[in-house]
Protein backbone atom coordinates (compact mmCIF):
# COMPACT_ATOMS: atom_id res chain seq x y z
CA MET A 1 -67.89 69.22 11.31
CA ARG A 2 -64.84 69.45 13.74
CA PHE A 3 -61.17 68.69 13.46
CA PHE A 4 -60.35 64.97 14.10
CA THR A 5 -63.60 64.28 11.38
CA TYR A 6 -63.63 65.48 8.20
CA ILE A 7 -63.18 69.22 7.78
CA PRO A 8 -59.53 70.92 7.53
CA VAL A 9 -58.13 73.15 10.40
CA ALA A 10 -58.50 76.84 9.26
CA LEU A 11 -55.37 78.01 8.28
CA THR A 12 -53.81 81.04 7.95
CA LEU A 13 -49.90 81.51 7.35
CA PHE A 14 -48.48 84.96 7.76
CA SER A 15 -44.78 86.41 7.26
CA MET A 16 -43.72 89.47 8.67
CA PHE A 17 -40.21 90.01 7.30
CA ALA A 18 -41.36 91.91 3.69
CA CYS A 19 -44.75 93.04 3.82
CA GLY A 20 -47.95 93.59 6.08
CA PRO A 21 -48.09 95.93 9.02
CA LYS A 22 -46.00 95.42 12.14
CA SER A 23 -46.99 96.71 15.68
CA PRO A 24 -45.13 99.63 16.84
CA GLN A 25 -42.08 99.17 17.63
CA PRO A 26 -41.05 99.31 21.90
CA THR A 27 -38.39 102.72 22.73
CA SER A 28 -36.63 100.26 24.82
CA THR A 29 -35.83 96.84 23.45
CA SER A 30 -34.05 95.52 26.93
CA ALA A 31 -37.26 96.32 28.52
CA SER A 32 -39.64 94.71 26.20
CA PRO A 33 -41.32 91.02 27.19
CA PHE A 34 -40.32 90.63 23.34
CA ALA A 35 -36.74 90.58 23.89
CA THR A 36 -37.11 87.80 26.62
CA THR A 37 -35.84 84.14 25.63
CA PRO A 38 -39.11 82.53 24.82
CA GLN A 39 -40.66 80.09 27.11
CA LEU A 40 -42.10 77.24 25.49
CA PRO A 41 -44.19 74.83 27.48
CA SER A 42 -43.59 71.04 27.14
CA PRO A 43 -44.73 69.95 23.65
CA ARG A 44 -45.28 66.50 25.77
CA ALA A 45 -47.65 65.81 28.19
CA GLY A 46 -47.90 62.16 30.53
CA THR A 47 -51.91 63.00 30.69
CA TYR A 48 -54.79 64.36 28.45
CA ALA A 49 -56.21 67.59 30.20
CA ARG A 50 -57.12 70.95 29.92
CA VAL A 51 -54.90 73.35 31.59
CA ILE A 52 -56.11 76.99 31.70
CA ALA A 53 -53.07 78.53 33.22
CA THR A 54 -51.40 82.09 33.34
CA PRO A 55 -48.33 81.52 30.43
CA SER A 56 -44.98 81.57 31.59
CA ASP A 57 -43.65 83.11 28.57
CA PRO A 58 -43.91 87.04 29.36
CA ALA A 59 -44.20 88.22 25.92
CA ILE A 60 -46.94 85.26 25.61
CA GLY A 61 -48.79 87.05 28.44
CA ALA A 62 -48.54 90.63 26.99
CA VAL A 63 -50.54 89.27 23.85
CA ILE A 64 -53.11 87.10 25.17
CA GLY A 65 -54.54 89.35 28.20
CA GLU A 66 -57.26 87.72 29.56
CA ARG A 67 -58.09 85.37 26.48
CA ARG A 68 -58.11 81.34 27.70
CA TRP A 69 -54.66 80.23 27.10
CA ASP A 70 -54.24 76.52 27.79
CA ALA A 71 -51.19 75.05 28.64
CA SER A 72 -52.03 71.50 27.11
CA LEU A 73 -53.53 73.00 23.59
CA SER A 74 -50.04 75.59 23.79
CA GLY A 75 -47.98 72.34 24.23
CA ALA A 76 -49.41 71.48 20.95
CA ALA A 77 -48.34 74.97 19.35
CA SER A 78 -45.01 74.21 20.97
CA GLY A 79 -44.76 71.04 18.97
CA LEU A 80 -45.57 72.65 15.78
CA ALA A 81 -43.00 75.63 16.24
CA LEU A 82 -40.00 73.86 17.66
CA ARG A 83 -40.09 71.58 14.57
CA ALA A 84 -40.59 74.39 12.15
CA VAL A 85 -37.64 76.41 12.99
CA ASP A 86 -35.88 73.28 13.26
CA ASN A 87 -37.00 72.65 9.25
CA GLU A 88 -38.30 69.45 10.60
CA GLY A 89 -41.93 69.52 10.50
CA GLY A 90 -44.72 72.16 9.04
CA TYR A 91 -48.33 72.12 9.83
CA SER A 92 -50.34 70.00 7.97
CA MET A 93 -53.43 68.03 9.44
CA ARG A 94 -51.41 64.43 11.14
CA GLU A 95 -48.78 66.81 12.94
CA ILE A 96 -51.61 69.40 14.50
CA ARG A 97 -52.94 66.00 15.43
CA GLU A 98 -49.88 64.36 16.70
CA ALA A 99 -48.06 67.46 18.29
CA ALA A 100 -52.21 67.80 19.72
CA TRP A 101 -51.90 63.96 21.50
CA ASN A 102 -48.45 64.48 22.57
CA ALA A 103 -49.15 67.75 24.47
CA GLY A 104 -51.79 66.28 26.06
CA TYR A 105 -54.76 68.03 23.96
CA PRO A 106 -57.62 65.48 22.57
CA TYR A 107 -60.40 67.80 21.86
CA PRO A 108 -61.03 69.16 17.98
CA ILE A 109 -58.93 71.72 17.21
CA SER A 110 -60.27 74.52 14.61
CA HIS A 111 -58.16 76.88 13.82
CA LEU A 112 -54.32 77.94 13.39
CA ALA A 113 -52.41 80.58 12.23
CA VAL A 114 -48.66 81.31 11.93
CA TRP A 115 -46.53 84.64 12.00
CA GLN A 116 -42.82 85.09 11.41
CA THR A 117 -40.85 88.22 12.75
CA GLU A 118 -37.96 89.42 13.12
CA ALA A 119 -36.35 88.18 16.50
CA LYS A 120 -37.04 90.54 19.77
CA ASN A 121 -39.65 92.48 18.31
CA PRO A 122 -43.52 92.13 19.13
CA PRO A 123 -45.88 89.95 17.21
CA PRO A 124 -47.76 91.54 14.08
CA SER A 125 -51.06 93.36 14.80
CA ASP A 126 -52.26 90.03 12.75
CA LEU A 127 -52.09 88.58 15.84
CA GLN A 128 -54.12 90.95 17.75
CA THR A 129 -56.73 90.87 14.63
CA TRP A 130 -56.89 86.89 14.72
CA LEU A 131 -57.29 87.08 18.40
CA SER A 132 -60.31 89.26 18.35
CA GLU A 133 -62.12 87.00 15.52
CA ILE A 134 -61.78 83.96 17.63
CA PRO A 135 -64.69 83.54 20.50
CA GLU A 136 -63.90 84.57 23.63
CA LYS A 137 -65.49 80.89 25.06
CA MET A 138 -62.82 79.12 22.91
CA ASP A 139 -59.07 77.74 24.11
CA ILE A 140 -56.38 79.73 22.81
CA GLY A 141 -52.87 77.81 22.26
CA LEU A 142 -50.08 80.25 21.57
CA VAL A 143 -46.88 80.31 22.00
CA ARG A 144 -43.27 81.83 19.97
CA ALA A 145 -40.14 80.06 19.33
CA ARG A 146 -36.93 81.83 18.18
CA SER A 147 -34.60 80.66 15.68
CA GLY A 148 -31.38 82.67 15.03
CA THR A 149 -32.88 86.52 13.71
CA ARG A 150 -36.42 84.55 13.12
CA GLU A 151 -39.14 84.17 15.61
CA THR A 152 -42.15 82.15 14.48
CA TRP A 153 -45.10 82.54 16.52
CA VAL A 154 -47.94 79.65 16.66
CA ALA A 155 -51.53 80.52 17.81
CA LEU A 156 -54.35 77.28 17.59
CA ALA A 157 -57.58 77.48 18.95
CA ALA A 158 -60.21 74.83 19.84
CA ASN A 159 -63.86 75.29 21.29
CA PRO A 160 -64.23 71.44 23.62
CA LEU A 161 -68.05 70.79 24.08
CA ILE A 162 -66.88 68.05 27.13
CA ASP A 163 -64.60 68.23 29.48
CA LEU A 164 -63.18 64.90 30.88
CA GLY A 165 -60.95 65.66 32.87
CA ILE A 166 -57.60 64.69 33.58
CA ILE A 167 -56.79 60.90 31.74
CA PRO A 168 -53.16 59.66 31.93
CA ARG A 169 -51.56 58.11 28.70
CA GLU A 170 -50.10 55.29 30.01
CA VAL A 171 -51.42 52.92 32.44
CA SER A 172 -51.80 49.46 33.85
CA VAL A 173 -53.52 46.82 32.03
CA GLN A 174 -57.08 46.86 33.52
CA THR A 175 -56.83 50.42 34.55
CA PRO A 176 -60.90 51.11 34.58
CA LEU A 177 -61.34 54.10 31.73
CA LYS A 178 -64.89 56.39 33.49
CA PHE A 179 -66.70 58.08 31.02
CA PRO A 180 -69.59 61.09 32.08
CA LYS A 181 -72.94 60.45 30.49
CA ILE A 182 -72.83 62.68 27.39
CA ALA A 183 -76.26 62.23 26.39
CA SER A 184 -76.12 63.52 22.72
CA ALA A 185 -72.65 61.28 21.96
CA THR A 186 -71.25 57.98 21.13
CA LEU A 187 -68.22 56.33 22.73
CA GLU A 188 -66.20 54.27 19.85
CA ILE A 189 -63.29 52.50 21.19
CA SER A 190 -61.04 50.27 19.54
CA ASN A 191 -58.70 47.61 22.09
CA PRO A 192 -54.85 46.69 20.67
CA LEU A 193 -56.36 43.67 19.01
CA GLY A 194 -58.84 46.11 16.73
CA LEU A 195 -61.93 44.85 18.22
CA TRP A 196 -64.02 48.09 18.16
CA THR A 197 -67.22 48.55 20.06
CA LYS A 198 -69.81 51.46 19.92
CA ASN A 199 -72.10 52.42 22.91
CA PRO A 200 -74.29 55.53 23.47
CA LEU A 201 -73.58 57.60 26.68
CA THR A 202 -76.77 57.97 27.73
CA ALA A 203 -75.26 57.18 31.24
CA PRO A 204 -71.62 56.81 32.77
CA LYS A 205 -70.19 54.07 31.62
CA THR A 206 -66.45 52.17 32.54
CA VAL A 207 -64.40 50.64 30.30
CA ASN A 208 -61.59 48.46 31.41
CA LEU A 209 -58.58 48.15 29.80
CA ASP A 210 -57.73 44.85 29.97
CA THR A 211 -55.37 43.97 26.90
CA GLU A 212 -51.79 45.21 26.44
CA GLY A 213 -51.50 47.82 23.55
CA GLU A 214 -52.51 51.10 22.10
CA TRP A 215 -56.52 52.09 22.39
CA VAL A 216 -58.21 54.55 20.23
CA ILE A 217 -61.25 56.30 21.52
CA ALA A 218 -63.35 58.77 19.90
CA ILE A 219 -66.60 60.21 21.42
CA THR A 220 -69.12 61.62 18.76
CA ASP A 221 -72.01 62.94 18.14
CA ASN A 222 -74.13 64.33 14.97
CA ASP A 223 -71.61 67.19 14.25
CA GLY A 224 -68.48 65.20 14.15
CA ASP A 225 -65.91 64.55 17.22
CA LEU A 226 -66.15 66.28 20.86
CA ALA A 227 -63.15 63.91 21.58
CA ARG A 228 -60.13 61.41 19.95
CA PHE A 229 -56.97 60.27 21.81
CA THR A 230 -55.05 57.42 22.57
CA LEU A 231 -54.21 55.38 25.61
CA TYR A 232 -51.39 52.67 26.05
CA ALA A 233 -52.03 50.56 28.34
CA GLY A 234 -48.89 48.42 29.87
CA THR A 235 -46.76 49.74 27.05
CA LYS A 236 -45.51 53.17 26.45
CA VAL A 237 -46.58 55.91 24.26
CA PRO A 238 -44.72 55.38 21.13
CA GLU A 239 -41.68 58.09 20.11
CA GLU A 240 -42.85 58.64 16.91
CA ALA A 241 -45.57 59.09 14.12
CA ILE A 242 -46.40 56.71 11.80
CA ILE A 243 -46.49 58.80 8.68
CA LEU A 244 -42.98 60.92 9.11
CA GLY A 245 -41.79 63.69 6.74
CA PRO A 246 -43.46 66.18 4.29
CA ALA A 247 -46.45 65.01 1.78
CA LEU A 248 -45.06 63.32 -1.36
CA PRO A 249 -46.68 65.05 -4.43
CA VAL A 250 -48.72 63.28 -6.43
CA LYS A 251 -50.16 64.06 -10.08
CA ASP A 252 -52.71 61.52 -10.76
CA ASN A 253 -54.86 58.82 -9.02
CA ALA A 254 -52.30 56.04 -9.60
CA ALA A 255 -49.50 57.49 -7.68
CA ALA A 256 -51.67 58.72 -4.82
CA ILE A 257 -52.51 54.59 -4.43
CA VAL A 258 -48.77 54.39 -4.35
CA VAL A 259 -48.61 56.67 -1.45
CA ALA A 260 -51.39 55.13 0.09
CA LYS A 261 -50.35 51.42 -0.07
CA ASP A 262 -46.58 52.47 1.25
CA ILE A 263 -48.34 54.05 4.57
CA LEU A 264 -50.38 51.50 4.98
CA ALA A 265 -47.71 48.54 4.81
CA ASP A 266 -45.56 51.19 6.94
CA ALA A 267 -48.79 51.15 9.16
CA ARG A 268 -49.11 47.25 10.04
CA GLN A 269 -45.18 46.87 10.07
CA MET A 270 -45.36 49.70 13.32
CA TYR A 271 -47.87 46.70 14.71
CA GLY A 272 -45.48 43.81 13.92
CA LEU A 273 -47.48 42.78 10.90
CA GLY A 274 -46.56 42.15 7.11
CA PRO A 275 -48.37 43.95 4.23
CA LEU A 276 -50.96 43.13 2.58
CA SER A 277 -51.67 41.62 -0.80
CA GLN A 278 -53.25 44.19 -3.63
CA ASP A 279 -56.26 42.13 -4.90
CA PRO A 280 -57.55 43.05 -8.25
CA PHE A 281 -61.31 42.78 -7.34
CA LEU A 282 -60.57 45.00 -4.59
CA ASN A 283 -59.42 47.34 -6.19
CA SER A 284 -62.66 47.47 -8.48
CA THR A 285 -64.91 47.42 -6.03
CA ALA A 286 -63.35 50.31 -4.35
CA GLN A 287 -63.42 52.49 -7.65
CA ALA A 288 -67.02 51.29 -8.09
CA TRP A 289 -67.43 52.59 -4.28
CA LEU A 290 -65.60 55.77 -5.33
CA GLN A 291 -67.70 56.69 -7.90
CA THR A 292 -70.76 55.60 -6.80
CA PRO A 293 -70.80 56.36 -2.80
CA SER A 294 -72.56 54.13 -0.32
CA ASP A 295 -72.78 53.70 3.12
CA THR A 296 -71.76 49.91 2.50
CA VAL A 297 -70.18 48.09 0.41
CA ASP A 298 -69.95 44.47 1.66
CA ALA A 299 -70.27 43.85 5.58
CA ALA A 300 -67.90 40.72 4.99
CA LEU A 301 -64.93 43.72 3.92
CA SER A 302 -63.47 46.10 6.07
CA GLN A 303 -64.61 49.68 4.63
CA TRP A 304 -62.08 52.78 4.75
CA LYS A 305 -63.15 56.18 3.16
CA CYS A 306 -61.32 59.70 3.57
CA ARG A 307 -60.68 62.87 2.02
CA SER A 308 -57.98 65.64 3.23
CA ARG A 309 -55.78 67.54 1.53
CA THR A 310 -53.46 65.29 0.96
CA VAL A 311 -52.98 61.31 1.06
CA GLU A 312 -50.58 61.12 4.09
CA ASP A 313 -53.44 63.43 5.92
CA CYS A 314 -55.91 61.19 4.39
CA MET A 315 -54.20 58.14 5.58
CA ASP A 316 -53.62 59.62 8.66
CA GLN A 317 -57.28 60.02 9.21
CA MET A 318 -58.37 56.58 8.42
CA LEU A 319 -55.32 54.98 11.03
CA TRP A 320 -57.10 56.84 13.91
CA ILE A 321 -61.22 56.05 13.18
CA PRO A 322 -61.81 52.72 16.07
CA GLU A 323 -64.08 50.76 13.77
CA TYR A 324 -61.35 50.82 10.75
CA ARG A 325 -58.58 49.06 13.17
CA LYS A 326 -59.98 45.57 12.71
CA GLY A 327 -58.69 45.98 8.88
CA LEU A 328 -55.10 47.14 10.50
CA LEU A 329 -54.49 45.32 13.20
CA ARG A 330 -56.10 41.93 12.72
CA PRO A 331 -53.17 39.17 11.54
CA ASP A 332 -55.93 37.78 9.25
CA SER A 333 -56.12 40.88 7.26
CA LYS A 334 -54.40 39.32 3.57
CA TYR A 335 -55.95 41.23 1.10
CA VAL A 336 -56.55 44.96 -0.19
CA GLY A 337 -57.90 47.23 -2.94
CA PHE A 338 -57.34 51.54 -3.50
CA ALA A 339 -59.57 54.06 -5.31
CA ALA A 340 -58.19 57.06 -5.78
CA LYS A 341 -59.24 60.87 -6.79
CA VAL A 342 -57.06 63.70 -6.80
CA ARG A 343 -58.42 67.04 -7.39
CA THR A 344 -56.70 70.68 -6.89
CA ASP A 345 -57.87 71.14 -3.50
CA ASP A 346 -58.02 67.57 -2.22
CA VAL A 347 -58.01 63.39 -2.18
CA GLN A 348 -60.28 61.01 -1.59
CA LEU A 349 -59.36 57.37 -1.13
CA ARG A 350 -61.31 54.70 -1.12
CA VAL A 351 -59.52 50.78 0.99
CA LEU A 352 -61.21 48.01 1.23
CA ILE A 353 -59.39 45.25 3.21
CA ALA A 354 -60.41 41.34 3.69
CA SER A 355 -59.19 38.11 5.31
CA GLU A 356 -58.60 34.85 3.42
């Protein structure tokens, strides 16, 4: 499966201050492209688009060579790098997803690698090793950010299987959104009221964005996501994510449920809705569903499930599934039940939402 579904990004972190091989140092620092001030693509874009380009940063150009450097994907790397050097963020799944959407890259991201070096020096040889192991057909997002004596290099890789062209992130109400024929794919859309539609893309399809607010679009096939993104009709893209800050440690299932409940309440508040009341019957039903997996619990309930590294990543994953938006956004949603399974390497959640 691909990034925006359930399998985590391949993450590699390197610190080159104390150990590991370094690239040979240039004989003249002033003549080196690595001594120049980093030039980062914007971490925020007004459109979704693949933008294969030549890096403006001479250091990135020296490293990337003939590889397919994508400005939008590199904008996502910029967002991650800038927040990291300012000690404001990390490299969690939700932060990668948020950075990608902010920079206008709607396709699944499969690889992330991070290196830290001394400022004005070439990157470690591990970066070239990483690039050599990434298939040439993949898009590369690569940037460097400097803070004092530290240089942070962030690399992303993706293999988009479709190309949706250029899509504005903010549009007017009633804007028609056109999708090409993708024979094996399914289009899922949630409108700002949580109305969910699902259609095969066996022929081109046009959707009119006829309701003001946030739309969630997902294009999937049997292997997972082909694209997933949000659009804003008649309103602005939010400045902040729903889930902020680092992941909270959870020592057991009960603690995971407390974090999940708070995140859901915060999400509802972001959309002008009140918190849901936890219901004992829904809790026990969610627990039974977690213990005995089933595709269907009760058609009258909004049924959410996820698995990820942290509760925050798990909840973020579910908030952007079009089918799940009904339970999140409908004003008549009143009650909720949670179940959690905390393991050493991941967290599983089940959430059931019911109206009166």
